[in-house]
């Protein structure tokens, strides 16, 4: 599955696109201006997205990749 396919599925499941998820992460204190804070671990993001949106590990890791800047929307 491509990275964009993960993002598309996340949008279908949650109604939230990448920009909205980054803003929500800021609001939760996991990130600042859409960039993950250094002390935040992947497990925290996975737990948040599982509890709030019912996302699984793979989809949560896609959001984590956005927050770390390792991936951008539209990438494969």
PDB file of N, CA and C in Angstrom:
ATOM      1  N   UNK A   1       0.849  -1.171   0.000  1.00  0.00           N
ATOM      2  CA  UNK A   1       0.000   0.000   0.000  1.00  0.00           C
ATOM      3  C   UNK A   1       0.896   1.236   0.000  1.00  0.00           C
ATOM      4  N   UNK A   2       0.570   2.198  -0.841  1.00  0.00           N
ATOM      5  CA  UNK A   2       1.356   3.429  -0.897  1.00  0.00           C
ATOM      6  C   UNK A   2       1.038   4.319   0.310  1.00  0.00           C
ATOM      7  N   UNK A   3       1.924   5.236   0.559  1.00  0.00           N
ATOM      8  CA  UNK A   3       1.716   6.163   1.668  1.00  0.00           C
ATOM      9  C   UNK A   3       0.427   6.952   1.469  1.00  0.00           C
ATOM     10  N   UNK A   4       0.197   7.406   0.231  1.00  0.00           N
ATOM     11  CA  UNK A   4      -1.014   8.164  -0.046  1.00  0.00           C
ATOM     12  C   UNK A   4      -2.263   7.313   0.182  1.00  0.00           C
ATOM     13  N   UNK A   5      -2.178   6.026  -0.118  1.00  0.00           N
ATOM     14  CA  UNK A   5      -3.318   5.137   0.124  1.00  0.00           C
ATOM     15  C   UNK A   5      -3.626   5.057   1.622  1.00  0.00           C
ATOM     16  N   UNK A   6      -2.585   5.032   2.444  1.00  0.00           N
ATOM     17  CA  UNK A   6      -2.803   5.067   3.892  1.00  0.00           C
ATOM     18  C   UNK A   6      -3.546   6.344   4.288  1.00  0.00           C
ATOM     19  N   UNK A   7      -3.097   7.479   3.759  1.00  0.00           N
ATOM     20  CA  UNK A   7      -3.731   8.757   4.090  1.00  0.00           C
ATOM     21  C   UNK A   7      -5.177   8.803   3.617  1.00  0.00           C
ATOM     22  N   UNK A   8      -5.430   8.247   2.435  1.00  0.00           N
ATOM     23  CA  UNK A   8      -6.800   8.216   1.908  1.00  0.00           C
ATOM     24  C   UNK A   8      -7.707   7.379   2.809  1.00  0.00           C
ATOM     25  N   UNK A   9      -7.209   6.237   3.271  1.00  0.00           N
ATOM     26  CA  UNK A   9      -7.986   5.374   4.152  1.00  0.00           C
ATOM     27  C   UNK A   9      -8.234   6.055   5.494  1.00  0.00           C
ATOM     28  N   UNK A  10      -7.221   6.740   6.006  1.00  0.00           N
ATOM     29  CA  UNK A  10      -7.375   7.477   7.269  1.00  0.00           C
ATOM     30  C   UNK A  10      -8.471   8.529   7.120  1.00  0.00           C
ATOM     31  N   UNK A  11      -8.475   9.244   6.007  1.00  0.00           N
ATOM     32  CA  UNK A  11      -9.497  10.275   5.759  1.00  0.00           C
ATOM     33  C   UNK A  11     -10.887   9.633   5.709  1.00  0.00           C
ATOM     34  N   UNK A  12     -10.990   8.482   5.053  1.00  0.00           N
ATOM     35  CA  UNK A  12     -12.272   7.780   4.970  1.00  0.00           C
ATOM     36  C   UNK A  12     -12.751   7.355   6.356  1.00  0.00           C
ATOM     37  N   UNK A  13     -11.838   6.822   7.168  1.00  0.00           N
ATOM     38  CA  UNK A  13     -12.209   6.315   8.497  1.00  0.00           C
ATOM     39  C   UNK A  13     -12.501   7.432   9.501  1.00  0.00           C
ATOM     40  N   UNK A  14     -11.742   8.521   9.419  1.00  0.00           N
ATOM     41  CA  UNK A  14     -11.829   9.552  10.453  1.00  0.00           C
ATOM     42  C   UNK A  14     -12.495  10.844   9.997  1.00  0.00           C
ATOM     43  N   UNK A  15     -12.525  11.058   8.690  1.00  0.00           N
ATOM     44  CA  UNK A  15     -13.006  12.329   8.170  1.00  0.00           C
ATOM     45  C   UNK A  15     -11.967  13.428   8.265  1.00  0.00           C
ATOM     46  N   UNK A  16     -10.745  13.057   8.646  1.00  0.00           N
ATOM     47  CA  UNK A  16      -9.661  14.037   8.841  1.00  0.00           C
ATOM     48  C   UNK A  16      -8.559  13.833   7.809  1.00  0.00           C
ATOM     49  N   UNK A  17      -8.146  14.920   7.182  1.00  0.00           N
ATOM     50  CA  UNK A  17      -7.020  14.890   6.262  1.00  0.00           C
ATOM     51  C   UNK A  17      -5.728  15.152   7.004  1.00  0.00           C
ATOM     52  N   UNK A  18      -4.606  15.102   6.294  1.00  0.00           N
ATOM     53  CA  UNK A  18      -3.303  15.301   6.938  1.00  0.00           C
ATOM     54  C   UNK A  18      -3.183  16.602   7.727  1.00  0.00           C
ATOM     55  N   UNK A  19      -3.646  17.699   7.143  1.00  0.00           N
ATOM     56  CA  UNK A  19      -3.520  18.983   7.828  1.00  0.00           C
ATOM     57  C   UNK A  19      -4.321  19.001   9.127  1.00  0.00           C
ATOM     58  N   UNK A  20      -5.511  18.405   9.075  1.00  0.00           N
ATOM     59  CA  UNK A  20      -6.348  18.357  10.278  1.00  0.00           C
ATOM     60  C   UNK A  20      -5.717  17.486  11.362  1.00  0.00           C
ATOM     61  N   UNK A  21      -5.127  16.367  10.959  1.00  0.00           N
ATOM     62  CA  UNK A  21      -4.476  15.488  11.934  1.00  0.00           C
ATOM     63  C   UNK A  21      -3.270  16.166  12.575  1.00  0.00           C
ATOM     64  N   UNK A  22      -2.515  16.910  11.767  1.00  0.00           N
ATOM     65  CA  UNK A  22      -1.369  17.635  12.318  1.00  0.00           C
ATOM     66  C   UNK A  22      -1.837  18.692  13.315  1.00  0.00           C
ATOM     67  N   UNK A  23      -2.926  19.375  12.998  1.00  0.00           N
ATOM     68  CA  UNK A  23      -3.466  20.382  13.915  1.00  0.00           C
ATOM     69  C   UNK A  23      -3.974  19.721  15.203  1.00  0.00           C
ATOM     70  N   UNK A  24      -4.613  18.561  15.082  1.00  0.00           N
ATOM     71  CA  UNK A  24      -5.079  17.846  16.270  1.00  0.00           C
ATOM     72  C   UNK A  24      -3.903  17.411  17.146  1.00  0.00           C
ATOM     73  N   UNK A  25      -2.823  16.968  16.514  1.00  0.00           N
ATOM     74  CA  UNK A  25      -1.627  16.566  17.266  1.00  0.00           C
ATOM     75  C   UNK A  25      -1.045  17.764  18.016  1.00  0.00           C
ATOM     76  N   UNK A  26      -1.067  18.937  17.384  1.00  0.00           N
ATOM     77  CA  UNK A  26      -0.627  20.159  18.068  1.00  0.00           C
ATOM     78  C   UNK A  26      -1.501  20.409  19.299  1.00  0.00           C
ATOM     79  N   UNK A  27      -2.812  20.284  19.110  1.00  0.00           N
ATOM     80  CA  UNK A  27      -3.751  20.526  20.198  1.00  0.00           C
ATOM     81  C   UNK A  27      -3.586  19.549  21.354  1.00  0.00           C
ATOM     82  N   UNK A  28      -3.156  18.330  21.047  1.00  0.00           N
ATOM     83  CA  UNK A  28      -2.935  17.314  22.080  1.00  0.00           C
ATOM     84  C   UNK A  28      -1.583  17.485  22.764  1.00  0.00           C
ATOM     85  N   UNK A  29      -0.741  18.377  22.221  1.00  0.00           N
ATOM     86  CA  UNK A  29       0.571  18.613  22.812  1.00  0.00           C
ATOM     87  C   UNK A  29       1.656  17.670  22.311  1.00  0.00           C
ATOM     88  N   UNK A  30       1.359  16.886  21.276  1.00  0.00           N
ATOM     89  CA  UNK A  30       2.350  15.969  20.715  1.00  0.00           C
ATOM     90  C   UNK A  30       3.312  16.676  19.760  1.00  0.00           C
ATOM     91  N   UNK A  31       2.867  17.793  19.223  1.00  0.00           N
ATOM     92  CA  UNK A  31       3.675  18.485  18.215  1.00  0.00           C
ATOM     93  C   UNK A  31       3.489  19.985  18.368  1.00  0.00           C
ATOM     94  N   UNK A  32       4.325  20.714  17.644  1.00  0.00           N
ATOM     95  CA  UNK A  32       4.234  22.174  17.589  1.00  0.00           C
ATOM     96  C   UNK A  32       4.366  22.566  16.129  1.00  0.00           C
ATOM     97  N   UNK A  33       3.385  23.285  15.618  1.00  0.00           N
ATOM     98  CA  UNK A  33       3.356  23.681  14.204  1.00  0.00           C
ATOM     99  C   UNK A  33       3.480  22.471  13.285  1.00  0.00           C
ATOM    100  N   UNK A  34       2.862  21.363  13.682  1.00  0.00           N
ATOM    101  CA  UNK A  34       2.848  20.167  12.853  1.00  0.00           C
ATOM    102  C   UNK A  34       4.119  19.336  12.889  1.00  0.00           C
ATOM    103  N   UNK A  35       5.051  19.687  13.751  1.00  0.00           N
ATOM    104  CA  UNK A  35       6.310  18.942  13.891  1.00  0.00           C
ATOM    105  C   UNK A  35       6.346  18.265  15.256  1.00  0.00           C
ATOM    106  N   UNK A  36       6.614  16.974  15.246  1.00  0.00           N
ATOM    107  CA  UNK A  36       6.632  16.173  16.469  1.00  0.00           C
ATOM    108  C   UNK A  36       7.633  16.728  17.467  1.00  0.00           C
ATOM    109  N   UNK A  37       7.222  16.820  18.715  1.00  0.00           N
ATOM    110  CA  UNK A  37       8.141  17.254  19.772  1.00  0.00           C
ATOM    111  C   UNK A  37       9.132  16.132  20.041  1.00  0.00           C
ATOM    112  N   UNK A  38      10.385  16.480  20.379  1.00  0.00           N
ATOM    113  CA  UNK A  38      11.438  15.472  20.533  1.00  0.00           C
ATOM    114  C   UNK A  38      11.162  14.387  21.574  1.00  0.00           C
ATOM    115  N   UNK A  39      10.393  14.712  22.602  1.00  0.00           N
ATOM    116  CA  UNK A  39      10.162  13.739  23.671  1.00  0.00           C
ATOM    117  C   UNK A  39       8.948  12.837  23.421  1.00  0.00           C
ATOM    118  N   UNK A  40       8.262  13.019  22.299  1.00  0.00           N
ATOM    119  CA  UNK A  40       7.073  12.214  21.988  1.00  0.00           C
ATOM    120  C   UNK A  40       7.492  10.973  21.208  1.00  0.00           C
ATOM    121  N   UNK A  41       7.014   9.835  21.665  1.00  0.00           N
ATOM    122  CA  UNK A  41       7.352   8.538  21.064  1.00  0.00           C
ATOM    123  C   UNK A  41       6.212   8.064  20.163  1.00  0.00           C
ATOM    124  N   UNK A  42       6.560   7.183  19.239  1.00  0.00           N
ATOM    125  CA  UNK A  42       5.576   6.628  18.305  1.00  0.00           C
ATOM    126  C   UNK A  42       4.419   5.968  19.046  1.00  0.00           C
ATOM    127  N   UNK A  43       4.714   5.288  20.132  1.00  0.00           N
ATOM    128  CA  UNK A  43       3.676   4.613  20.898  1.00  0.00           C
ATOM    129  C   UNK A  43       2.590   5.545  21.399  1.00  0.00           C
ATOM    130  N   UNK A  44       2.961   6.776  21.720  1.00  0.00           N
ATOM    131  CA  UNK A  44       1.984   7.750  22.187  1.00  0.00           C
ATOM    132  C   UNK A  44       1.020   8.135  21.060  1.00  0.00           C
ATOM    133  N   UNK A  45       1.564   8.280  19.864  1.00  0.00           N
ATOM    134  CA  UNK A  45       0.737   8.624  18.705  1.00  0.00           C
ATOM    135  C   UNK A  45      -0.183   7.455  18.363  1.00  0.00           C
ATOM    136  N   UNK A  46       0.363   6.245  18.392  1.00  0.00           N
ATOM    137  CA  UNK A  46      -0.429   5.043  18.099  1.00  0.00           C
ATOM    138  C   UNK A  46      -1.587   4.923  19.092  1.00  0.00           C
ATOM    139  N   UNK A  47      -1.301   5.111  20.374  1.00  0.00           N
ATOM    140  CA  UNK A  47      -2.338   5.006  21.406  1.00  0.00           C
ATOM    141  C   UNK A  47      -3.423   6.057  21.215  1.00  0.00           C
ATOM    142  N   UNK A  48      -3.023   7.288  20.960  1.00  0.00           N
ATOM    143  CA  UNK A  48      -3.975   8.381  20.741  1.00  0.00           C
ATOM    144  C   UNK A  48      -4.904   8.073  19.566  1.00  0.00           C
ATOM    145  N   UNK A  49      -4.321   7.705  18.432  1.00  0.00           N
ATOM    146  CA  UNK A  49      -5.131   7.467  17.239  1.00  0.00           C
ATOM    147  C   UNK A  49      -6.004   6.218  17.367  1.00  0.00           C
ATOM    148  N   UNK A  50      -5.518   5.226  18.076  1.00  0.00           N
ATOM    149  CA  UNK A  50      -6.330   4.027  18.332  1.00  0.00           C
ATOM    150  C   UNK A  50      -7.527   4.380  19.212  1.00  0.00           C
ATOM    151  N   UNK A  51      -7.261   5.092  20.301  1.00  0.00           N
ATOM    152  CA  UNK A  51      -8.311   5.412  21.260  1.00  0.00           C
ATOM    153  C   UNK A  51      -9.329   6.409  20.708  1.00  0.00           C
ATOM    154  N   UNK A  52      -8.857   7.408  19.983  1.00  0.00           N
ATOM    155  CA  UNK A  52      -9.759   8.465  19.517  1.00  0.00           C
ATOM    156  C   UNK A  52     -10.444   8.135  18.192  1.00  0.00           C
ATOM    157  N   UNK A  53      -9.740   7.403  17.317  1.00  0.00           N
ATOM    158  CA  UNK A  53     -10.279   7.171  15.980  1.00  0.00           C
ATOM    159  C   UNK A  53     -10.383   5.707  15.577  1.00  0.00           C
ATOM    160  N   UNK A  54      -9.879   4.811  16.402  1.00  0.00           N
ATOM    161  CA  UNK A  54      -9.930   3.396  16.070  1.00  0.00           C
ATOM    162  C   UNK A  54      -8.956   2.980  14.980  1.00  0.00           C
ATOM    163  N   UNK A  55      -7.890   3.761  14.788  1.00  0.00           N
ATOM    164  CA  UNK A  55      -6.902   3.424  13.756  1.00  0.00           C
ATOM    165  C   UNK A  55      -5.958   2.337  14.250  1.00  0.00           C
ATOM    166  N   UNK A  56      -5.511   1.509  13.314  1.00  0.00           N
ATOM    167  CA  UNK A  56      -4.556   0.465  13.635  1.00  0.00           C
ATOM    168  C   UNK A  56      -3.128   0.979  13.596  1.00  0.00           C
ATOM    169  N   UNK A  57      -2.215   0.066  13.844  1.00  0.00           N
ATOM    170  CA  UNK A  57      -0.794   0.402  13.932  1.00  0.00           C
ATOM    171  C   UNK A  57      -0.259   1.035  12.640  1.00  0.00           C
ATOM    172  N   UNK A  58      -0.515   0.416  11.507  1.00  0.00           N
ATOM    173  CA  UNK A  58       0.022   0.913  10.237  1.00  0.00           C
ATOM    174  C   UNK A  58      -0.464   2.304   9.891  1.00  0.00           C
ATOM    175  N   UNK A  59      -1.745   2.532  10.061  1.00  0.00           N
ATOM    176  CA  UNK A  59      -2.290   3.843   9.750  1.00  0.00           C
ATOM    177  C   UNK A  59      -1.782   4.896  10.736  1.00  0.00           C
ATOM    178  N   UNK A  60      -1.643   4.513  11.981  1.00  0.00           N
ATOM    179  CA  UNK A  60      -1.096   5.438  12.980  1.00  0.00           C
ATOM    180  C   UNK A  60       0.358   5.782  12.674  1.00  0.00           C
ATOM    181  N   UNK A  61       1.096   4.811  12.205  1.00  0.00           N
ATOM    182  CA  UNK A  61       2.502   5.070  11.845  1.00  0.00           C
ATOM    183  C   UNK A  61       2.601   6.005  10.646  1.00  0.00           C
ATOM    184  N   UNK A  62       1.603   5.983   9.781  1.00  0.00           N
ATOM    185  CA  UNK A  62       1.583   6.932   8.668  1.00  0.00           C
ATOM    186  C   UNK A  62       1.453   8.360   9.204  1.00  0.00           C
ATOM    187  N   UNK A  63       0.603   8.547  10.200  1.00  0.00           N
ATOM    188  CA  UNK A  63       0.468   9.866  10.816  1.00  0.00           C
ATOM    189  C   UNK A  63       1.765  10.246  11.529  1.00  0.00           C
ATOM    190  N   UNK A  64       2.375   9.294  12.187  1.00  0.00           N
ATOM    191  CA  UNK A  64       3.656   9.536  12.847  1.00  0.00           C
ATOM    192  C   UNK A  64       4.708   9.979  11.817  1.00  0.00           C
ATOM    193  N   UNK A  65       4.712   9.344  10.656  1.00  0.00           N
ATOM    194  CA  UNK A  65       5.653   9.721   9.593  1.00  0.00           C
ATOM    195  C   UNK A  65       5.404  11.155   9.128  1.00  0.00           C
ATOM    196  N   UNK A  66       4.157  11.568   9.078  1.00  0.00           N
ATOM    197  CA  UNK A  66       3.843  12.963   8.748  1.00  0.00           C
ATOM    198  C   UNK A  66       4.417  13.900   9.803  1.00  0.00           C
ATOM    199  N   UNK A  67       4.194  13.550  11.066  1.00  0.00           N
ATOM    200  CA  UNK A  67       4.635  14.400  12.166  1.00  0.00           C
ATOM    201  C   UNK A  67       6.154  14.516  12.247  1.00  0.00           C
ATOM    202  N   UNK A  68       6.853  13.448  11.898  1.00  0.00           N
ATOM    203  CA  UNK A  68       8.309  13.492  11.939  1.00  0.00           C
ATOM    204  C   UNK A  68       8.900  14.152  10.705  1.00  0.00           C
ATOM    205  N   UNK A  69       8.071  14.343   9.674  1.00  0.00           N
ATOM    206  CA  UNK A  69       8.552  14.929   8.431  1.00  0.00           C
ATOM    207  C   UNK A  69       9.201  13.936   7.493  1.00  0.00           C
ATOM    208  N   UNK A  70       9.148  12.647   7.836  1.00  0.00           N
ATOM    209  CA  UNK A  70       9.748  11.614   6.988  1.00  0.00           C
ATOM    210  C   UNK A  70       8.945  11.377   5.717  1.00  0.00           C
ATOM    211  N   UNK A  71       7.672  11.673   5.764  1.00  0.00           N
ATOM    212  CA  UNK A  71       6.791  11.510   4.608  1.00  0.00           C
ATOM    213  C   UNK A  71       5.911  12.739   4.476  1.00  0.00           C
ATOM    214  N   UNK A  72       5.463  12.954   3.229  1.00  0.00           N
ATOM    215  CA  UNK A  72       4.561  14.065   2.929  1.00  0.00           C
ATOM    216  C   UNK A  72       3.390  13.516   2.122  1.00  0.00           C
ATOM    217  N   UNK A  73       2.229  14.158   2.213  1.00  0.00           N
ATOM    218  CA  UNK A  73       1.100  13.702   1.410  1.00  0.00           C
ATOM    219  C   UNK A  73       1.481  13.632  -0.069  1.00  0.00           C
ATOM    220  N   UNK A  74       0.994  12.610  -0.748  1.00  0.00           N
ATOM    221  CA  UNK A  74       1.277  12.426  -2.164  1.00  0.00           C
ATOM    222  C   UNK A  74       2.456  11.516  -2.446  1.00  0.00           C
ATOM    223  N   UNK A  75       3.226  11.152  -1.412  1.00  0.00           N
ATOM    224  CA  UNK A  75       4.377  10.254  -1.600  1.00  0.00           C
ATOM    225  C   UNK A  75       3.917   8.813  -1.683  1.00  0.00           C
ATOM    226  N   UNK A  76       4.767   7.997  -2.305  1.00  0.00           N
ATOM    227  CA  UNK A  76       4.474   6.568  -2.401  1.00  0.00           C
ATOM    228  C   UNK A  76       5.137   5.826  -1.283  1.00  0.00           C
TER     229      UNK A  76
END
